[in-house]
């Protein structure tokens, strides 16, 4: 199965994140419907972290936030074999320090979770960032997202801090 036409036309990414089964495609406004489908496909995440489902404009807001910052990269994660994207990666480069990157969001549709895509994407991201001289990768997880805490610890991230509002900061030295 081939990628949908609007995904095949994507520009080359400034950061190559392709893994064995997934391709990371730079997201733009032309991909809003695919981003929205990924967000809508993970209702449990939004109910646990925000107490509500993503709104119909969630993808547009995500794109707007990412496009407003040159150091922020937004990717759709699509199967190499073709078909609709299974998730997304929102990444902030040089944050909170020049030699550090932050995962803003790594999200997979619920039907695609538990298949190793998170581990695969994280490994590809770590390799790409290390090749660019990034020293560490960080992310934050709210207390209510218990599955995310377990996942990030399984892939080698360690808790390095807490924020006032019930958020654990994780980091992995690359």
N, C-alpha and C. Protein backbone atom coordinates (compact mmCIF):
# COMPACT_ATOMS: atom_id res chain seq x y z
N UNK A 1 0.84 -1.17 0.00
CA UNK A 1 0.00 0.00 0.00
C UNK A 1 0.89 1.24 0.00
N UNK A 2 0.52 2.24 -0.78
CA UNK A 2 1.30 3.47 -0.89
C UNK A 2 0.83 4.51 0.09
N UNK A 3 1.72 5.49 0.37
CA UNK A 3 1.34 6.62 1.19
C UNK A 3 0.30 7.45 0.45
N UNK A 4 -0.61 8.11 1.17
CA UNK A 4 -1.53 9.03 0.52
C UNK A 4 -0.74 10.11 -0.22
N UNK A 5 -1.30 10.59 -1.33
CA UNK A 5 -0.59 11.55 -2.19
C UNK A 5 -0.12 12.78 -1.44
N UNK A 6 -0.91 13.30 -0.51
CA UNK A 6 -0.51 14.51 0.20
C UNK A 6 0.64 14.26 1.16
N UNK A 7 0.93 13.03 1.47
CA UNK A 7 2.10 12.72 2.30
C UNK A 7 3.32 12.46 1.44
N UNK A 8 3.15 11.90 0.27
CA UNK A 8 4.29 11.64 -0.61
C UNK A 8 4.95 12.94 -1.04
N UNK A 9 4.24 14.03 -1.07
CA UNK A 9 4.77 15.30 -1.55
C UNK A 9 5.55 16.07 -0.48
N UNK A 10 5.74 15.51 0.70
CA UNK A 10 6.42 16.21 1.79
C UNK A 10 7.84 16.59 1.41
N UNK A 11 8.27 17.74 1.90
CA UNK A 11 9.65 18.18 1.71
C UNK A 11 10.58 17.30 2.56
N UNK A 12 11.85 17.31 2.24
CA UNK A 12 12.81 16.54 3.02
C UNK A 12 12.96 17.13 4.41
N UNK A 13 13.07 16.28 5.37
CA UNK A 13 13.20 16.71 6.76
C UNK A 13 14.61 17.22 7.04
N UNK A 14 14.74 18.23 7.87
CA UNK A 14 16.06 18.68 8.26
C UNK A 14 16.72 17.70 9.23
N UNK A 15 15.97 16.73 9.71
CA UNK A 15 16.46 15.74 10.65
C UNK A 15 15.91 14.39 10.19
N UNK A 16 16.78 13.47 9.81
CA UNK A 16 16.35 12.16 9.31
C UNK A 16 16.04 11.25 10.49
N UNK A 17 14.78 10.84 10.61
CA UNK A 17 14.33 10.05 11.75
C UNK A 17 13.71 8.72 11.34
N UNK A 18 13.93 8.28 10.14
CA UNK A 18 13.30 7.05 9.69
C UNK A 18 13.82 5.85 10.47
N UNK A 19 12.90 4.98 10.82
CA UNK A 19 13.23 3.74 11.51
C UNK A 19 12.97 2.56 10.60
N UNK A 20 13.12 1.34 11.10
CA UNK A 20 12.93 0.15 10.28
C UNK A 20 11.52 0.01 9.71
N UNK A 21 10.50 0.43 10.48
CA UNK A 21 9.12 0.26 10.01
C UNK A 21 8.38 1.56 9.75
N UNK A 22 8.90 2.67 10.29
CA UNK A 22 8.22 3.96 10.16
C UNK A 22 9.09 4.99 9.48
N UNK A 23 8.43 5.89 8.76
CA UNK A 23 9.08 7.05 8.17
C UNK A 23 8.58 8.29 8.89
N UNK A 24 9.48 9.20 9.19
CA UNK A 24 9.11 10.47 9.82
C UNK A 24 8.99 11.51 8.72
N UNK A 25 7.78 12.00 8.53
CA UNK A 25 7.49 12.95 7.47
C UNK A 25 7.24 14.33 8.05
N UNK A 26 7.98 15.35 7.62
CA UNK A 26 7.75 16.70 8.15
C UNK A 26 6.30 17.10 7.91
N UNK A 27 5.64 17.55 8.94
CA UNK A 27 4.23 17.93 8.83
C UNK A 27 4.09 19.42 8.52
N UNK A 28 3.11 19.71 7.69
CA UNK A 28 2.79 21.09 7.35
C UNK A 28 1.27 21.22 7.34
N UNK A 29 0.78 22.42 7.05
CA UNK A 29 -0.66 22.66 7.03
C UNK A 29 -1.37 21.70 6.07
N UNK A 30 -0.69 21.26 5.04
CA UNK A 30 -1.30 20.32 4.09
C UNK A 30 -1.61 18.97 4.74
N UNK A 31 -1.03 18.72 5.90
CA UNK A 31 -1.19 17.44 6.58
C UNK A 31 -2.12 17.52 7.78
N UNK A 32 -2.84 18.62 7.92
CA UNK A 32 -3.67 18.83 9.11
C UNK A 32 -4.64 17.68 9.35
N UNK A 33 -5.24 17.15 8.30
CA UNK A 33 -6.22 16.07 8.51
C UNK A 33 -5.56 14.81 9.04
N UNK A 34 -4.33 14.52 8.62
CA UNK A 34 -3.61 13.36 9.12
C UNK A 34 -3.21 13.56 10.59
N UNK A 35 -2.76 14.76 10.92
CA UNK A 35 -2.43 15.06 12.31
C UNK A 35 -3.67 14.94 13.19
N UNK A 36 -4.79 15.51 12.71
CA UNK A 36 -6.03 15.45 13.49
C UNK A 36 -6.46 14.00 13.69
N UNK A 37 -6.31 13.17 12.67
CA UNK A 37 -6.68 11.76 12.80
C UNK A 37 -5.82 11.06 13.86
N UNK A 38 -4.54 11.39 13.92
CA UNK A 38 -3.67 10.80 14.95
C UNK A 38 -4.08 11.29 16.34
N UNK A 39 -4.37 12.57 16.46
CA UNK A 39 -4.81 13.11 17.75
C UNK A 39 -6.13 12.48 18.17
N UNK A 40 -7.07 12.41 17.25
CA UNK A 40 -8.37 11.80 17.55
C UNK A 40 -8.25 10.32 17.87
N UNK A 41 -7.22 9.67 17.32
CA UNK A 41 -7.00 8.24 17.53
C UNK A 41 -6.38 7.90 18.87
N UNK A 42 -6.13 8.90 19.71
CA UNK A 42 -5.54 8.67 21.04
C UNK A 42 -6.38 9.34 22.12
N UNK A 43 -7.67 9.01 22.19
CA UNK A 43 -8.52 9.69 23.18
C UNK A 43 -8.09 9.46 24.62
N UNK A 44 -7.55 8.29 24.92
CA UNK A 44 -7.13 8.00 26.29
C UNK A 44 -6.06 8.96 26.78
N UNK A 45 -5.14 9.33 25.90
CA UNK A 45 -4.08 10.28 26.27
C UNK A 45 -4.70 11.61 26.68
N UNK A 46 -5.60 12.12 25.85
CA UNK A 46 -6.18 13.43 26.12
C UNK A 46 -7.09 13.41 27.35
N UNK A 47 -7.85 12.34 27.53
CA UNK A 47 -8.70 12.26 28.71
C UNK A 47 -7.86 12.20 29.98
N UNK A 48 -6.74 11.47 29.94
CA UNK A 48 -5.88 11.35 31.12
C UNK A 48 -5.12 12.63 31.42
N UNK A 49 -4.66 13.32 30.38
CA UNK A 49 -3.79 14.48 30.60
C UNK A 49 -4.52 15.81 30.61
N UNK A 50 -5.64 15.91 29.88
CA UNK A 50 -6.35 17.18 29.78
C UNK A 50 -7.79 17.10 30.26
N UNK A 51 -8.28 15.89 30.47
CA UNK A 51 -9.65 15.73 30.94
C UNK A 51 -10.70 15.90 29.87
N UNK A 52 -10.28 16.02 28.62
CA UNK A 52 -11.21 16.22 27.52
C UNK A 52 -10.59 15.68 26.23
N UNK A 53 -11.42 15.44 25.25
CA UNK A 53 -10.92 14.98 23.95
C UNK A 53 -10.33 16.15 23.17
N UNK A 54 -9.45 15.85 22.20
CA UNK A 54 -8.91 16.95 21.39
C UNK A 54 -10.04 17.59 20.59
N UNK A 55 -10.01 18.89 20.48
CA UNK A 55 -11.02 19.60 19.70
C UNK A 55 -10.80 19.41 18.22
N UNK A 56 -11.77 19.79 17.41
CA UNK A 56 -11.65 19.62 15.96
C UNK A 56 -10.55 20.48 15.34
N UNK A 57 -10.05 21.46 16.08
CA UNK A 57 -8.98 22.32 15.59
C UNK A 57 -7.64 22.02 16.25
N UNK A 58 -7.53 20.88 16.93
CA UNK A 58 -6.30 20.55 17.66
C UNK A 58 -5.08 20.48 16.74
N UNK A 59 -5.25 19.89 15.57
CA UNK A 59 -4.12 19.79 14.64
C UNK A 59 -3.70 21.17 14.14
N UNK A 60 -4.66 22.01 13.84
CA UNK A 60 -4.34 23.36 13.38
C UNK A 60 -3.59 24.14 14.44
N UNK A 61 -4.00 23.99 15.71
CA UNK A 61 -3.30 24.67 16.80
C UNK A 61 -1.89 24.12 16.97
N UNK A 62 -1.73 22.80 16.86
CA UNK A 62 -0.41 22.19 16.96
C UNK A 62 0.50 22.68 15.84
N UNK A 63 -0.02 22.70 14.63
CA UNK A 63 0.76 23.21 13.50
C UNK A 63 1.15 24.67 13.68
N UNK A 64 0.22 25.47 14.13
CA UNK A 64 0.48 26.89 14.35
C UNK A 64 1.58 27.10 15.38
N UNK A 65 1.50 26.35 16.48
CA UNK A 65 2.54 26.45 17.52
C UNK A 65 3.90 26.05 16.96
N UNK A 66 3.95 24.96 16.21
CA UNK A 66 5.22 24.48 15.66
C UNK A 66 5.78 25.44 14.61
N UNK A 67 4.93 25.98 13.77
CA UNK A 67 5.39 26.88 12.72
C UNK A 67 5.87 28.21 13.26
N UNK A 68 5.45 28.57 14.46
CA UNK A 68 5.86 29.85 15.06
C UNK A 68 7.27 29.80 15.64
N UNK A 69 7.89 28.62 15.67
CA UNK A 69 9.20 28.46 16.29
C UNK A 69 10.11 27.68 15.34
N UNK A 70 11.15 28.30 14.86
CA UNK A 70 12.06 27.66 13.90
C UNK A 70 12.79 26.46 14.48
N UNK A 71 12.85 26.36 15.81
CA UNK A 71 13.54 25.23 16.44
C UNK A 71 12.59 24.07 16.76
N UNK A 72 11.36 24.20 16.35
CA UNK A 72 10.37 23.16 16.63
C UNK A 72 10.05 22.41 15.35
N UNK A 73 10.14 21.08 15.43
CA UNK A 73 9.90 20.22 14.28
C UNK A 73 8.73 19.29 14.57
N UNK A 74 7.82 19.19 13.63
CA UNK A 74 6.64 18.35 13.78
C UNK A 74 6.65 17.31 12.67
N UNK A 75 6.53 16.05 13.05
CA UNK A 75 6.58 14.95 12.09
C UNK A 75 5.34 14.06 12.22
N UNK A 76 4.89 13.56 11.09
CA UNK A 76 3.94 12.46 11.06
C UNK A 76 4.75 11.18 10.97
N UNK A 77 4.31 10.14 11.64
CA UNK A 77 5.01 8.86 11.62
C UNK A 77 4.15 7.88 10.83
N UNK A 78 4.64 7.52 9.66
CA UNK A 78 3.86 6.70 8.73
C UNK A 78 4.57 5.38 8.44
N UNK A 79 3.81 4.31 8.26
CA UNK A 79 4.43 3.02 7.94
C UNK A 79 5.20 3.07 6.62
N UNK A 80 6.37 2.47 6.60
CA UNK A 80 7.15 2.37 5.36
C UNK A 80 6.38 1.61 4.29
N UNK A 81 5.57 0.66 4.73
CA UNK A 81 4.80 -0.16 3.80
C UNK A 81 3.64 0.61 3.17
N UNK A 82 3.39 1.81 3.67
CA UNK A 82 2.30 2.62 3.14
C UNK A 82 1.13 2.68 4.09
N UNK A 83 0.20 3.54 3.77
CA UNK A 83 -0.98 3.70 4.59
C UNK A 83 -0.94 4.96 5.41
N UNK A 84 -1.98 5.13 6.19
CA UNK A 84 -2.15 6.33 7.00
C UNK A 84 -1.12 6.40 8.12
N UNK A 85 -0.73 7.62 8.52
CA UNK A 85 0.18 7.78 9.65
C UNK A 85 -0.39 7.14 10.92
N UNK A 86 0.52 6.60 11.72
CA UNK A 86 0.14 5.94 12.97
C UNK A 86 0.39 6.82 14.18
N UNK A 87 1.11 7.93 13.99
CA UNK A 87 1.42 8.79 15.13
C UNK A 87 2.10 10.07 14.70
N UNK A 88 2.59 10.79 15.71
CA UNK A 88 3.27 12.05 15.45
C UNK A 88 4.36 12.28 16.48
N UNK A 89 5.32 13.08 16.10
CA UNK A 89 6.41 13.50 16.98
C UNK A 89 6.54 15.00 16.87
N UNK A 90 6.51 15.66 18.02
CA UNK A 90 6.70 17.10 18.12
C UNK A 90 7.99 17.30 18.91
N UNK A 91 8.97 17.93 18.31
CA UNK A 91 10.31 18.03 18.87
C UNK A 91 10.75 19.48 18.92
N UNK A 92 11.33 19.87 20.04
CA UNK A 92 11.89 21.21 20.22
C UNK A 92 13.40 21.09 20.30
N UNK A 93 14.11 21.65 19.33
CA UNK A 93 15.57 21.62 19.33
C UNK A 93 16.09 22.76 20.20
N UNK A 94 17.31 22.57 20.72
CA UNK A 94 17.99 23.58 21.52
C UNK A 94 17.14 24.09 22.67
N UNK A 95 16.49 23.16 23.36
CA UNK A 95 15.66 23.51 24.50
C UNK A 95 15.79 22.46 25.59
N UNK A 96 16.01 22.83 26.80
CA UNK A 96 16.10 24.19 27.32
C UNK A 96 17.49 24.80 27.20
N UNK A 97 18.43 24.04 26.62
CA UNK A 97 19.80 24.52 26.43
C UNK A 97 20.22 24.23 24.99
N UNK A 98 21.27 24.89 24.50
CA UNK A 98 21.68 24.69 23.11
C UNK A 98 22.03 23.24 22.75
N UNK A 99 22.52 22.44 23.68
CA UNK A 99 22.94 21.08 23.34
C UNK A 99 21.91 20.03 23.77
N UNK A 100 20.67 20.47 23.97
CA UNK A 100 19.60 19.59 24.43
C UNK A 100 18.39 19.74 23.53
N UNK A 101 17.65 18.66 23.34
CA UNK A 101 16.38 18.70 22.61
C UNK A 101 15.29 18.19 23.55
N UNK A 102 14.07 18.60 23.29
CA UNK A 102 12.94 18.19 24.12
C UNK A 102 11.85 17.58 23.25
N UNK A 103 11.40 16.41 23.65
CA UNK A 103 10.23 15.82 23.02
C UNK A 103 9.02 16.52 23.62
N UNK A 104 8.30 17.27 22.80
CA UNK A 104 7.09 17.94 23.25
C UNK A 104 5.96 16.91 23.32
N UNK A 105 5.88 16.06 22.29
CA UNK A 105 4.85 15.03 22.26
C UNK A 105 5.26 13.91 21.31
N UNK A 106 5.18 12.69 21.79
CA UNK A 106 5.30 11.50 20.96
C UNK A 106 4.01 10.75 21.20
N UNK A 107 3.18 10.64 20.17
CA UNK A 107 1.83 10.11 20.33
C UNK A 107 1.52 9.13 19.20
N UNK A 108 0.94 8.01 19.58
CA UNK A 108 0.49 7.02 18.60
C UNK A 108 -0.99 6.76 18.77
N UNK A 109 -1.66 6.49 17.67
CA UNK A 109 -3.07 6.09 17.74
C UNK A 109 -3.14 4.89 18.68
N UNK A 110 -4.19 4.81 19.45
CA UNK A 110 -4.30 3.73 20.43
C UNK A 110 -4.23 2.36 19.78
N UNK A 111 -4.80 2.19 18.59
CA UNK A 111 -4.76 0.89 17.94
C UNK A 111 -3.34 0.51 17.48
N UNK A 112 -2.42 1.46 17.51
CA UNK A 112 -1.05 1.22 17.08
C UNK A 112 -0.07 1.16 18.25
N UNK A 113 -0.57 1.32 19.45
CA UNK A 113 0.29 1.28 20.62
C UNK A 113 0.61 -0.17 20.97
N UNK A 114 1.73 -0.37 21.66
CA UNK A 114 2.13 -1.70 22.07
C UNK A 114 2.77 -2.52 20.97
N UNK A 115 3.12 -1.89 19.86
CA UNK A 115 3.73 -2.59 18.72
C UNK A 115 5.20 -2.26 18.54
N UNK A 116 5.78 -1.53 19.47
CA UNK A 116 7.19 -1.19 19.40
C UNK A 116 7.50 0.07 18.61
N UNK A 117 6.48 0.78 18.13
CA UNK A 117 6.72 1.99 17.36
C UNK A 117 7.37 3.09 18.21
N UNK A 118 7.00 3.19 19.45
CA UNK A 118 7.59 4.21 20.33
C UNK A 118 9.06 3.97 20.55
N UNK A 119 9.41 2.73 20.82
CA UNK A 119 10.81 2.36 21.02
C UNK A 119 11.61 2.61 19.73
N UNK A 120 11.04 2.23 18.60
CA UNK A 120 11.71 2.42 17.30
C UNK A 120 11.92 3.90 17.00
N UNK A 121 10.90 4.70 17.21
CA UNK A 121 10.99 6.13 16.93
C UNK A 121 11.99 6.80 17.87
N UNK A 122 11.95 6.42 19.11
CA UNK A 122 12.89 7.00 20.09
C UNK A 122 14.33 6.66 19.73
N UNK A 123 14.60 5.42 19.33
CA UNK A 123 15.95 5.02 18.95
C UNK A 123 16.43 5.81 17.73
N UNK A 124 15.56 5.97 16.74
CA UNK A 124 15.94 6.74 15.54
C UNK A 124 16.20 8.19 15.89
N UNK A 125 15.37 8.74 16.76
CA UNK A 125 15.54 10.13 17.19
C UNK A 125 16.85 10.31 17.94
N UNK A 126 17.14 9.41 18.86
CA UNK A 126 18.39 9.51 19.62
C UNK A 126 19.60 9.45 18.70
N UNK A 127 19.59 8.54 17.74
CA UNK A 127 20.72 8.41 16.81
C UNK A 127 20.89 9.68 15.98
N UNK A 128 19.78 10.22 15.47
CA UNK A 128 19.85 11.42 14.64
C UNK A 128 20.34 12.62 15.44
N UNK A 129 19.86 12.76 16.66
CA UNK A 129 20.29 13.89 17.48
C UNK A 129 21.75 13.76 17.90
N UNK A 130 22.16 12.57 18.29
CA UNK A 130 23.56 12.35 18.68
C UNK A 130 24.49 12.67 17.51
N UNK A 131 24.09 12.30 16.30
CA UNK A 131 24.90 12.59 15.11
C UNK A 131 25.03 14.09 14.88
N UNK A 132 24.09 14.86 15.36
CA UNK A 132 24.13 16.32 15.23
C UNK A 132 24.81 17.00 16.41
N UNK A 133 25.30 16.20 17.37
CA UNK A 133 26.01 16.76 18.50
C UNK A 133 25.13 17.14 19.68
N UNK A 134 23.88 16.71 19.66
CA UNK A 134 23.01 16.99 20.80
C UNK A 134 23.45 16.11 21.96
N UNK A 135 23.58 16.69 23.13
CA UNK A 135 24.09 16.00 24.32
C UNK A 135 23.02 15.21 25.05
N UNK A 136 21.79 15.75 25.10
CA UNK A 136 20.74 15.11 25.90
C UNK A 136 19.38 15.32 25.28
N UNK A 137 18.49 14.41 25.59
CA UNK A 137 17.10 14.49 25.15
C UNK A 137 16.24 14.52 26.40
N UNK A 138 15.30 15.45 26.45
CA UNK A 138 14.43 15.62 27.61
C UNK A 138 12.97 15.53 27.20
N UNK A 139 12.14 15.31 28.20
CA UNK A 139 10.68 15.32 28.01
C UNK A 139 10.04 15.46 29.37
N UNK A 140 8.78 15.80 29.37
CA UNK A 140 8.02 15.95 30.61
C UNK A 140 6.77 15.10 30.53
N UNK A 141 6.40 14.51 31.66
CA UNK A 141 5.22 13.64 31.72
C UNK A 141 4.38 14.04 32.93
N UNK A 142 3.08 14.25 32.71
CA UNK A 142 2.19 14.55 33.82
C UNK A 142 1.94 13.29 34.63
N UNK A 143 1.69 13.46 35.91
CA UNK A 143 1.50 12.33 36.81
C UNK A 143 0.40 11.38 36.34
N UNK A 144 -0.65 11.91 35.75
CA UNK A 144 -1.79 11.10 35.32
C UNK A 144 -1.46 10.15 34.17
N UNK A 145 -0.38 10.38 33.47
CA UNK A 145 -0.02 9.55 32.32
C UNK A 145 0.93 8.43 32.77
N UNK A 146 0.41 7.50 33.55
CA UNK A 146 1.24 6.46 34.16
C UNK A 146 1.93 5.58 33.12
N UNK A 147 1.26 5.28 32.03
CA UNK A 147 1.87 4.45 30.99
C UNK A 147 3.09 5.10 30.38
N UNK A 148 3.05 6.42 30.23
CA UNK A 148 4.20 7.14 29.67
C UNK A 148 5.39 7.09 30.61
N UNK A 149 5.14 7.21 31.90
CA UNK A 149 6.25 7.12 32.87
C UNK A 149 6.97 5.78 32.69
N UNK A 150 6.21 4.70 32.64
CA UNK A 150 6.79 3.36 32.50
C UNK A 150 7.53 3.22 31.18
N UNK A 151 6.95 3.72 30.09
CA UNK A 151 7.60 3.61 28.78
C UNK A 151 8.95 4.32 28.78
N UNK A 152 8.97 5.58 29.21
CA UNK A 152 10.22 6.35 29.13
C UNK A 152 11.30 5.75 30.02
N UNK A 153 10.93 5.20 31.15
CA UNK A 153 11.92 4.54 31.99
C UNK A 153 12.44 3.26 31.33
N UNK A 154 11.56 2.52 30.65
CA UNK A 154 11.99 1.30 29.94
C UNK A 154 13.00 1.60 28.84
N UNK A 155 12.88 2.75 28.18
CA UNK A 155 13.81 3.07 27.09
C UNK A 155 15.00 3.90 27.55
N UNK A 156 15.23 3.93 28.87
CA UNK A 156 16.48 4.48 29.38
C UNK A 156 16.47 5.91 29.86
N UNK A 157 15.31 6.53 29.97
CA UNK A 157 15.24 7.89 30.49
C UNK A 157 15.17 7.84 32.01
N UNK A 158 15.77 8.83 32.64
CA UNK A 158 15.76 8.91 34.10
C UNK A 158 15.08 10.21 34.53
N UNK A 159 14.35 10.14 35.61
CA UNK A 159 13.74 11.34 36.17
C UNK A 159 14.84 12.26 36.69
N UNK A 160 14.80 13.52 36.28
CA UNK A 160 15.82 14.49 36.71
C UNK A 160 15.22 15.69 37.41
N UNK A 161 13.91 15.72 37.53
CA UNK A 161 13.29 16.85 38.20
C UNK A 161 11.78 16.75 38.23
N UNK A 162 11.20 17.65 39.01
CA UNK A 162 9.75 17.74 39.13
C UNK A 162 9.35 19.20 38.98
N UNK A 163 8.24 19.41 38.32
CA UNK A 163 7.67 20.74 38.20
C UNK A 163 6.48 20.83 39.15
N UNK A 164 6.13 22.03 39.55
CA UNK A 164 5.10 22.25 40.54
C UNK A 164 3.76 21.61 40.20
N UNK A 165 3.40 21.58 38.96
CA UNK A 165 2.06 21.16 38.58
C UNK A 165 1.92 19.66 38.34
N UNK A 166 2.70 18.83 39.02
CA UNK A 166 2.57 17.39 38.89
C UNK A 166 3.17 16.83 37.63
N UNK A 167 4.36 17.32 37.28
CA UNK A 167 5.03 16.91 36.05
C UNK A 167 6.44 16.43 36.40
N UNK A 168 6.80 15.26 35.87
CA UNK A 168 8.15 14.74 36.04
C UNK A 168 8.94 15.04 34.78
N UNK A 169 10.16 15.55 34.95
CA UNK A 169 11.05 15.81 33.83
C UNK A 169 12.00 14.62 33.72
N UNK A 170 12.09 14.07 32.52
CA UNK A 170 12.98 12.94 32.23
C UNK A 170 14.08 13.40 31.29
N UNK A 171 15.23 12.71 31.39
CA UNK A 171 16.34 13.03 30.49
C UNK A 171 17.11 11.77 30.19
N UNK A 172 17.68 11.73 28.99
CA UNK A 172 18.58 10.67 28.59
C UNK A 172 19.79 11.34 27.95
N UNK A 173 20.97 11.01 28.47
CA UNK A 173 22.21 11.52 27.88
C UNK A 173 22.48 10.70 26.63
N UNK A 174 22.79 11.39 25.54
CA UNK A 174 23.01 10.71 24.25
C UNK A 174 24.49 10.42 24.03
